Amino acid sequence: MLHDQLNTTGPPEESFEQTPIAALLLHWFSSLLLIAVTSCVSPSTAYNFLVSLYSYVVIIGMGFVNGGNPLRAQPDRVDNWYWPTHANFRPLRYPVHAALYLLACAFLLIAPLAARPADDSPYSYARSHIVWWLIPTVGLSSPLWGLARWAGLWAFMKLWRRRLVVTRTPFIVADDEDPRQYVQVSELDDYEWLSSVPLKERRAWEMGGEEGRERQGYEYGYE
């Protein structure tokens, strides 16, 4: 609930100096990967490819996701506060504008794969030197990068018997110009690695007593 996350004091000043290193390294690695795979073509072709890929994934792809979030979210009616009626931008009745934006982004995601561009089109291979299906294919495969990263993390946790616990604390304050509007100014993310053992071994640890636990080498703090 939004009202449970409101913070009138704002985040501590030192929080702005803490850089999310993991996210920074992930963006750095993906940027180097894209530069490396386009290094074999001319600079103009590489530039057009990267800019088009950015527009397809970040602008259209993220627009599709953001357009679906208002449709998925449940309005908060706590204290008679109904966010669709308090928003400053209400061109149409909720959720018509979100549905229209979602459909428009979905069309832009699918249209590049529907038909090959004409020979006189600026997106044809003769002018752009980029195969017409390459950008949407790479763009639509980007969620697989996240799945691959999650699979690697899951395998690491299983192999090393660790569990990553992440706690997110958003800082949401009222807008100075319009107290009915709220803005998330920052978010503090805290994580910790907890030890974890299979259920069978955990039961043996619990039934072994103090001497059995010490003999088996178990430590306190396992899940």
C-alpha atoms as a PDB file:
ATOM      1  CA  MET A   1       0.000   0.000   0.000  1.00  0.00           C
ATOM      2  CA  LEU A   2       1.214   3.480  -0.815  1.00  0.00           C
ATOM      3  CA  HIS A   3       0.284   4.914   2.561  1.00  0.00           C
ATOM      4  CA  ASP A   4       2.448   2.312   4.290  1.00  0.00           C
ATOM      5  CA  GLN A   5       5.500   3.472   2.308  1.00  0.00           C
ATOM      6  CA  LEU A   6       5.201   7.232   2.736  1.00  0.00           C
ATOM      7  CA  ASN A   7       8.220   8.894   4.266  1.00  0.00           C
ATOM      8  CA  THR A   8       8.121  12.533   5.242  1.00  0.00           C
ATOM      9  CA  THR A   9      11.778  12.909   6.200  1.00  0.00           C
ATOM     10  CA  GLY A  10      13.265  11.558   2.991  1.00  0.00           C
ATOM     11  CA  PRO A  11      16.278   9.280   2.626  1.00  0.00           C
ATOM     12  CA  PRO A  12      19.470   9.815   4.622  1.00  0.00           C
ATOM     13  CA  GLU A  13      22.001  12.023   2.880  1.00  0.00           C
ATOM     14  CA  GLU A  14      24.677   9.333   2.802  1.00  0.00           C
ATOM     15  CA  SER A  15      22.402   7.057   0.771  1.00  0.00           C
ATOM     16  CA  PHE A  16      22.973   9.120  -2.359  1.00  0.00           C
ATOM     17  CA  GLU A  17      26.697   8.284  -2.259  1.00  0.00           C
ATOM     18  CA  GLN A  18      26.184   4.525  -2.369  1.00  0.00           C
ATOM     19  CA  THR A  19      26.500   3.252  -5.931  1.00  0.00           C
ATOM     20  CA  PRO A  20      24.815  -0.059  -6.795  1.00  0.00           C
ATOM     21  CA  ILE A  21      28.002  -1.777  -7.966  1.00  0.00           C
ATOM     22  CA  ALA A  22      26.249  -4.937  -9.162  1.00  0.00           C
ATOM     23  CA  ALA A  23      23.898  -2.983 -11.433  1.00  0.00           C
ATOM     24  CA  LEU A  24      26.768  -0.789 -12.625  1.00  0.00           C
ATOM     25  CA  LEU A  25      28.849  -3.832 -13.597  1.00  0.00           C
ATOM     26  CA  LEU A  26      25.873  -5.411 -15.354  1.00  0.00           C
ATOM     27  CA  HIS A  27      25.307  -2.300 -17.496  1.00  0.00           C
ATOM     28  CA  TRP A  28      29.028  -1.974 -18.130  1.00  0.00           C
ATOM     29  CA  PHE A  29      29.324  -5.594 -19.277  1.00  0.00           C
ATOM     30  CA  SER A  30      26.266  -5.374 -21.555  1.00  0.00           C
ATOM     31  CA  SER A  31      27.585  -2.127 -23.081  1.00  0.00           C
ATOM     32  CA  LEU A  32      30.973  -3.679 -23.804  1.00  0.00           C
ATOM     33  CA  LEU A  33      29.277  -6.740 -25.284  1.00  0.00           C
ATOM     34  CA  LEU A  34      27.215  -4.633 -27.686  1.00  0.00           C
ATOM     35  CA  ILE A  35      30.264  -2.619 -28.707  1.00  0.00           C
ATOM     36  CA  ALA A  36      32.276  -5.788 -29.252  1.00  0.00           C
ATOM     37  CA  VAL A  37      29.699  -7.503 -31.474  1.00  0.00           C
ATOM     38  CA  THR A  38      29.369  -4.396 -33.658  1.00  0.00           C
ATOM     39  CA  SER A  39      33.099  -3.744 -33.974  1.00  0.00           C
ATOM     40  CA  CYS A  40      33.293  -5.776 -37.196  1.00  0.00           C
ATOM     41  CA  VAL A  41      31.093  -3.327 -39.158  1.00  0.00           C
ATOM     42  CA  SER A  42      31.569   0.286 -40.121  1.00  0.00           C
ATOM     43  CA  PRO A  43      31.077   2.952 -37.407  1.00  0.00           C
ATOM     44  CA  SER A  44      27.984   4.367 -39.134  1.00  0.00           C
ATOM     45  CA  THR A  45      26.333   0.950 -39.338  1.00  0.00           C
ATOM     46  CA  ALA A  46      27.221   0.157 -35.729  1.00  0.00           C
ATOM     47  CA  TYR A  47      25.845   3.515 -34.604  1.00  0.00           C
ATOM     48  CA  ASN A  48      22.563   3.012 -36.468  1.00  0.00           C
ATOM     49  CA  PHE A  49      22.234  -0.495 -35.057  1.00  0.00           C
ATOM     50  CA  LEU A  50      22.854   0.540 -31.445  1.00  0.00           C
ATOM     51  CA  VAL A  51      20.552   3.567 -31.628  1.00  0.00           C
ATOM     52  CA  SER A  52      17.781   1.523 -33.255  1.00  0.00           C
ATOM     53  CA  LEU A  53      18.223  -1.232 -30.694  1.00  0.00           C
ATOM     54  CA  TYR A  54      18.039   1.305 -27.879  1.00  0.00           C
ATOM     55  CA  SER A  55      14.841   2.781 -29.298  1.00  0.00           C
ATOM     56  CA  TYR A  56      13.283  -0.652 -29.756  1.00  0.00           C
ATOM     57  CA  VAL A  57      14.137  -2.031 -26.306  1.00  0.00           C
ATOM     58  CA  VAL A  58      14.212   0.966 -23.987  1.00  0.00           C
ATOM     59  CA  ILE A  59      11.544   3.203 -25.510  1.00  0.00           C
ATOM     60  CA  ILE A  60       9.109   0.714 -27.045  1.00  0.00           C
ATOM     61  CA  GLY A  61       9.820  -2.374 -24.931  1.00  0.00           C
ATOM     62  CA  MET A  62       9.858  -0.560 -21.602  1.00  0.00           C
ATOM     63  CA  GLY A  63       6.859   1.468 -22.740  1.00  0.00           C
ATOM     64  CA  PHE A  64       4.979  -1.777 -23.274  1.00  0.00           C
ATOM     65  CA  VAL A  65       5.860  -2.933 -19.763  1.00  0.00           C
ATOM     66  CA  ASN A  66       5.019   0.408 -18.175  1.00  0.00           C
ATOM     67  CA  GLY A  67       1.747   0.542 -20.086  1.00  0.00           C
ATOM     68  CA  GLY A  68       0.753  -2.806 -18.625  1.00  0.00           C
ATOM     69  CA  ASN A  69       1.620  -1.939 -15.023  1.00  0.00           C
ATOM     70  CA  PRO A  70      -1.411   0.341 -14.451  1.00  0.00           C
ATOM     71  CA  LEU A  71      -3.641  -2.423 -15.791  1.00  0.00           C
ATOM     72  CA  ARG A  72      -2.104  -4.968 -13.441  1.00  0.00           C
ATOM     73  CA  ALA A  73      -1.925  -2.796 -10.318  1.00  0.00           C
ATOM     74  CA  GLN A  74      -4.843  -2.710  -7.942  1.00  0.00           C
ATOM     75  CA  PRO A  75      -5.995   0.818  -7.018  1.00  0.00           C
ATOM     76  CA  ASP A  76      -5.362   1.731  -3.398  1.00  0.00           C
ATOM     77  CA  ARG A  77      -8.637   2.698  -1.729  1.00  0.00           C
ATOM     78  CA  VAL A  78      -7.163   3.114   1.754  1.00  0.00           C
ATOM     79  CA  ASP A  79      -8.548   6.194   3.486  1.00  0.00           C
ATOM     80  CA  ASN A  80     -10.765   6.829   0.441  1.00  0.00           C
ATOM     81  CA  TRP A  81      -7.687   7.641  -1.640  1.00  0.00           C
ATOM     82  CA  TYR A  82      -8.228   6.392  -5.191  1.00  0.00           C
ATOM     83  CA  TRP A  83      -5.149   7.108  -7.295  1.00  0.00           C
ATOM     84  CA  PRO A  84      -6.761   7.111 -10.788  1.00  0.00           C
ATOM     85  CA  THR A  85      -8.973  10.035  -9.731  1.00  0.00           C
ATOM     86  CA  HIS A  86      -6.111  11.975  -8.114  1.00  0.00           C
ATOM     87  CA  ALA A  87      -3.651  11.843 -11.005  1.00  0.00           C
ATOM     88  CA  ASN A  88      -2.950  15.133 -12.764  1.00  0.00           C
ATOM     89  CA  PHE A  89      -2.930  13.507 -16.196  1.00  0.00           C
ATOM     90  CA  ARG A  90      -6.344  11.979 -16.898  1.00  0.00           C
ATOM     91  CA  PRO A  91      -7.016  12.244 -20.659  1.00  0.00           C
ATOM     92  CA  LEU A  92      -9.529   9.393 -20.624  1.00  0.00           C
ATOM     93  CA  ARG A  93     -11.342   7.343 -18.050  1.00  0.00           C
ATOM     94  CA  TYR A  94      -9.109   4.813 -16.289  1.00  0.00           C
ATOM     95  CA  PRO A  95      -7.794   2.472 -17.651  1.00  0.00           C
ATOM     96  CA  VAL A  96      -8.505   3.425 -21.278  1.00  0.00           C
ATOM     97  CA  HIS A  97      -5.380   5.544 -21.755  1.00  0.00           C
ATOM     98  CA  ALA A  98      -3.118   2.827 -20.327  1.00  0.00           C
ATOM     99  CA  ALA A  99      -4.713   0.189 -22.556  1.00  0.00           C
ATOM    100  CA  LEU A 100      -4.293   2.368 -25.660  1.00  0.00           C
ATOM    101  CA  TYR A 101      -0.631   2.995 -24.851  1.00  0.00           C
ATOM    102  CA  LEU A 102      -0.083  -0.721 -24.265  1.00  0.00           C
ATOM    103  CA  LEU A 103      -1.636  -1.628 -27.613  1.00  0.00           C
ATOM    104  CA  ALA A 104       0.364   1.048 -29.445  1.00  0.00           C
ATOM    105  CA  CYS A 105       3.640  -0.247 -28.009  1.00  0.00           C
ATOM    106  CA  ALA A 106       2.634  -3.844 -28.778  1.00  0.00           C
ATOM    107  CA  PHE A 107       2.009  -2.871 -32.411  1.00  0.00           C
ATOM    108  CA  LEU A 108       5.438  -1.199 -32.645  1.00  0.00           C
ATOM    109  CA  LEU A 109       7.079  -4.306 -31.177  1.00  0.00           C
ATOM    110  CA  ILE A 110       5.448  -6.690 -33.648  1.00  0.00           C
ATOM    111  CA  ALA A 111       5.292  -4.543 -36.795  1.00  0.00           C
ATOM    112  CA  PRO A 112       9.045  -4.768 -37.645  1.00  0.00           C
ATOM    113  CA  LEU A 113       8.700  -8.555 -37.853  1.00  0.00           C
ATOM    114  CA  ALA A 114       5.486  -8.531 -39.858  1.00  0.00           C
ATOM    115  CA  ALA A 115       6.891  -7.551 -43.241  1.00  0.00           C
ATOM    116  CA  ARG A 116      10.173  -6.840 -44.942  1.00  0.00           C
ATOM    117  CA  PRO A 117      10.807  -3.133 -45.662  1.00  0.00           C
ATOM    118  CA  ALA A 118      10.627  -1.945 -49.253  1.00  0.00           C
ATOM    119  CA  ASP A 119      13.781  -1.499 -51.283  1.00  0.00           C
ATOM    120  CA  ASP A 120      13.490   2.297 -51.190  1.00  0.00           C
ATOM    121  CA  SER A 121      12.888   2.360 -47.419  1.00  0.00           C
ATOM    122  CA  PRO A 122      15.589   3.912 -45.208  1.00  0.00           C
ATOM    123  CA  TYR A 123      15.424   0.691 -43.166  1.00  0.00           C
ATOM    124  CA  SER A 124      16.213  -1.565 -46.125  1.00  0.00           C
ATOM    125  CA  TYR A 125      19.491  -3.466 -46.181  1.00  0.00           C
ATOM    126  CA  ALA A 126      20.736  -1.480 -49.173  1.00  0.00           C
ATOM    127  CA  ARG A 127      20.628   1.760 -47.155  1.00  0.00           C
ATOM    128  CA  SER A 128      21.061   0.718 -43.528  1.00  0.00           C
ATOM    129  CA  HIS A 129      23.267  -2.364 -44.084  1.00  0.00           C
ATOM    130  CA  ILE A 130      21.296  -4.055 -41.301  1.00  0.00           C
ATOM    131  CA  VAL A 131      19.126  -7.125 -41.855  1.00  0.00           C
ATOM    132  CA  TRP A 132      15.516  -6.114 -41.228  1.00  0.00           C
ATOM    133  CA  TRP A 133      14.789  -8.831 -38.664  1.00  0.00           C
ATOM    134  CA  LEU A 134      17.989  -8.409 -36.636  1.00  0.00           C
ATOM    135  CA  ILE A 135      16.975  -5.517 -34.355  1.00  0.00           C
ATOM    136  CA  PRO A 136      13.549  -6.886 -33.282  1.00  0.00           C
ATOM    137  CA  THR A 137      15.036 -10.356 -32.809  1.00  0.00           C
ATOM    138  CA  VAL A 138      17.821  -9.096 -30.548  1.00  0.00           C
ATOM    139  CA  GLY A 139      15.418  -6.746 -28.782  1.00  0.00           C
ATOM    140  CA  LEU A 140      12.818  -9.402 -28.048  1.00  0.00           C
ATOM    141  CA  SER A 141      15.548 -11.771 -26.839  1.00  0.00           C
ATOM    142  CA  SER A 142      16.762  -9.286 -24.209  1.00  0.00           C
ATOM    143  CA  PRO A 143      14.516 -10.798 -21.472  1.00  0.00           C
ATOM    144  CA  LEU A 144      16.459 -14.026 -22.005  1.00  0.00           C
ATOM    145  CA  TRP A 145      19.556 -12.221 -20.764  1.00  0.00           C
ATOM    146  CA  GLY A 146      17.813 -11.637 -17.475  1.00  0.00           C
ATOM    147  CA  LEU A 147      16.674 -15.260 -17.314  1.00  0.00           C
ATOM    148  CA  ALA A 148      20.244 -16.417 -17.966  1.00  0.00           C
ATOM    149  CA  ARG A 149      21.521 -14.195 -15.166  1.00  0.00           C
ATOM    150  CA  TRP A 150      18.821 -15.526 -12.824  1.00  0.00           C
ATOM    151  CA  ALA A 151      19.693 -19.120 -13.751  1.00  0.00           C
ATOM    152  CA  GLY A 152      23.350 -18.445 -12.975  1.00  0.00           C
ATOM    153  CA  LEU A 153      22.445 -16.937  -9.606  1.00  0.00           C
ATOM    154  CA  TRP A 154      20.157 -19.862  -8.807  1.00  0.00           C
ATOM    155  CA  ALA A 155      22.901 -22.375  -9.682  1.00  0.00           C
ATOM    156  CA  PHE A 156      25.388 -20.465  -7.526  1.00  0.00           C
ATOM    157  CA  MET A 157      23.017 -20.534  -4.543  1.00  0.00           C
ATOM    158  CA  LYS A 158      22.394 -24.251  -4.960  1.00  0.00           C
ATOM    159  CA  LEU A 159      26.083 -25.056  -5.335  1.00  0.00           C
ATOM    160  CA  TRP A 160      27.305 -22.976  -2.401  1.00  0.00           C
ATOM    161  CA  ARG A 161      24.210 -23.484  -0.235  1.00  0.00           C
ATOM    162  CA  ARG A 162      23.509 -19.799   0.088  1.00  0.00           C
ATOM    163  CA  ARG A 163      20.362 -17.765  -0.283  1.00  0.00           C
ATOM    164  CA  LEU A 164      20.295 -14.120  -1.341  1.00  0.00           C
ATOM    165  CA  VAL A 165      17.785 -12.019   0.580  1.00  0.00           C
ATOM    166  CA  VAL A 166      17.127  -8.520  -0.757  1.00  0.00           C
ATOM    167  CA  THR A 167      15.251  -5.849   1.206  1.00  0.00           C
ATOM    168  CA  ARG A 168      14.047  -2.778  -0.673  1.00  0.00           C
ATOM    169  CA  THR A 169      13.012   0.377   1.184  1.00  0.00           C
ATOM    170  CA  PRO A 170      11.407   3.013  -1.089  1.00  0.00           C
ATOM    171  CA  PHE A 171      11.308   6.642  -0.001  1.00  0.00           C
ATOM    172  CA  ILE A 172       8.073   8.231  -1.202  1.00  0.00           C
ATOM    173  CA  VAL A 173       7.284  11.836  -0.356  1.00  0.00           C
ATOM    174  CA  ALA A 174       4.487  14.211  -1.213  1.00  0.00           C
ATOM    175  CA  ASP A 175       5.057  16.626  -4.072  1.00  0.00           C
ATOM    176  CA  ASP A 176       5.778  20.165  -2.904  1.00  0.00           C
ATOM    177  CA  GLU A 177       3.558  21.712  -5.578  1.00  0.00           C
ATOM    178  CA  ASP A 178       0.678  19.245  -5.250  1.00  0.00           C
ATOM    179  CA  PRO A 179       0.355  17.416  -1.903  1.00  0.00           C
ATOM    180  CA  ARG A 180      -2.018  14.915  -3.517  1.00  0.00           C
ATOM    181  CA  GLN A 181       0.794  13.630  -5.735  1.00  0.00           C
ATOM    182  CA  TYR A 182       3.636  11.450  -4.489  1.00  0.00           C
ATOM    183  CA  VAL A 183       7.143  10.988  -5.830  1.00  0.00           C
ATOM    184  CA  GLN A 184       9.630   8.217  -5.103  1.00  0.00           C
ATOM    185  CA  VAL A 185      12.882  10.094  -4.571  1.00  0.00           C
ATOM    186  CA  SER A 186      15.089   7.071  -3.968  1.00  0.00           C
ATOM    187  CA  GLU A 187      15.212   3.456  -2.886  1.00  0.00           C
ATOM    188  CA  LEU A 188      17.608   1.798  -0.490  1.00  0.00           C
ATOM    189  CA  ASP A 189      18.462  -1.794  -1.380  1.00  0.00           C
ATOM    190  CA  ASP A 190      20.043  -4.018   1.234  1.00  0.00           C
ATOM    191  CA  TYR A 191      21.082  -7.603   0.640  1.00  0.00           C
ATOM    192  CA  GLU A 192      22.568 -10.395   2.671  1.00  0.00           C
ATOM    193  CA  TRP A 193      23.665 -13.963   2.045  1.00  0.00           C
ATOM    194  CA  LEU A 194      22.090 -16.548   4.326  1.00  0.00           C
ATOM    195  CA  SER A 195      23.244 -20.104   4.685  1.00  0.00           C
ATOM    196  CA  SER A 196      20.846 -22.779   3.514  1.00  0.00           C
ATOM    197  CA  VAL A 197      20.822 -26.573   3.707  1.00  0.00           C
ATOM    198  CA  PRO A 198      18.424 -29.174   2.267  1.00  0.00           C
ATOM    199  CA  LEU A 199      15.431 -30.125   4.382  1.00  0.00           C
ATOM    200  CA  LYS A 200      16.726 -33.660   5.029  1.00  0.00           C
ATOM    201  CA  GLU A 201      20.049 -32.430   6.381  1.00  0.00           C
ATOM    202  CA  ARG A 202      18.353 -29.687   8.367  1.00  0.00           C
ATOM    203  CA  ARG A 203      16.130 -32.211  10.149  1.00  0.00           C
ATOM    204  CA  ALA A 204      19.152 -34.346  10.934  1.00  0.00           C
ATOM    205  CA  TRP A 205      20.837 -31.272  12.353  1.00  0.00           C
ATOM    206  CA  GLU A 206      17.809 -30.453  14.490  1.00  0.00           C
ATOM    207  CA  MET A 207      17.524 -34.019  15.829  1.00  0.00           C
ATOM    208  CA  GLY A 208      21.225 -34.544  16.442  1.00  0.00           C
ATOM    209  CA  GLY A 209      21.552 -32.387  19.533  1.00  0.00           C
ATOM    210  CA  GLU A 210      24.496 -30.185  20.425  1.00  0.00           C
ATOM    211  CA  GLU A 211      27.117 -32.936  20.163  1.00  0.00           C
ATOM    212  CA  GLY A 212      25.751 -34.246  16.879  1.00  0.00           C
ATOM    213  CA  ARG A 213      25.716 -30.800  15.373  1.00  0.00           C
ATOM    214  CA  GLU A 214      29.293 -30.114  16.361  1.00  0.00           C
ATOM    215  CA  ARG A 215      30.365 -33.546  15.094  1.00  0.00           C
ATOM    216  CA  GLN A 216      28.707 -32.952  11.713  1.00  0.00           C
ATOM    217  CA  GLY A 217      30.235 -29.490  11.449  1.00  0.00           C
ATOM    218  CA  TYR A 218      26.964 -27.566  11.225  1.00  0.00           C
ATOM    219  CA  GLU A 219      26.811 -23.962  12.295  1.00  0.00           C
ATOM    220  CA  TYR A 220      24.008 -21.973  13.761  1.00  0.00           C
ATOM    221  CA  GLY A 221      22.209 -19.651  11.409  1.00  0.00           C
ATOM    222  CA  TYR A 222      21.250 -22.157   8.736  1.00  0.00           C
ATOM    223  CA  GLU A 223      17.770 -21.777   7.390  1.00  0.00           C
END
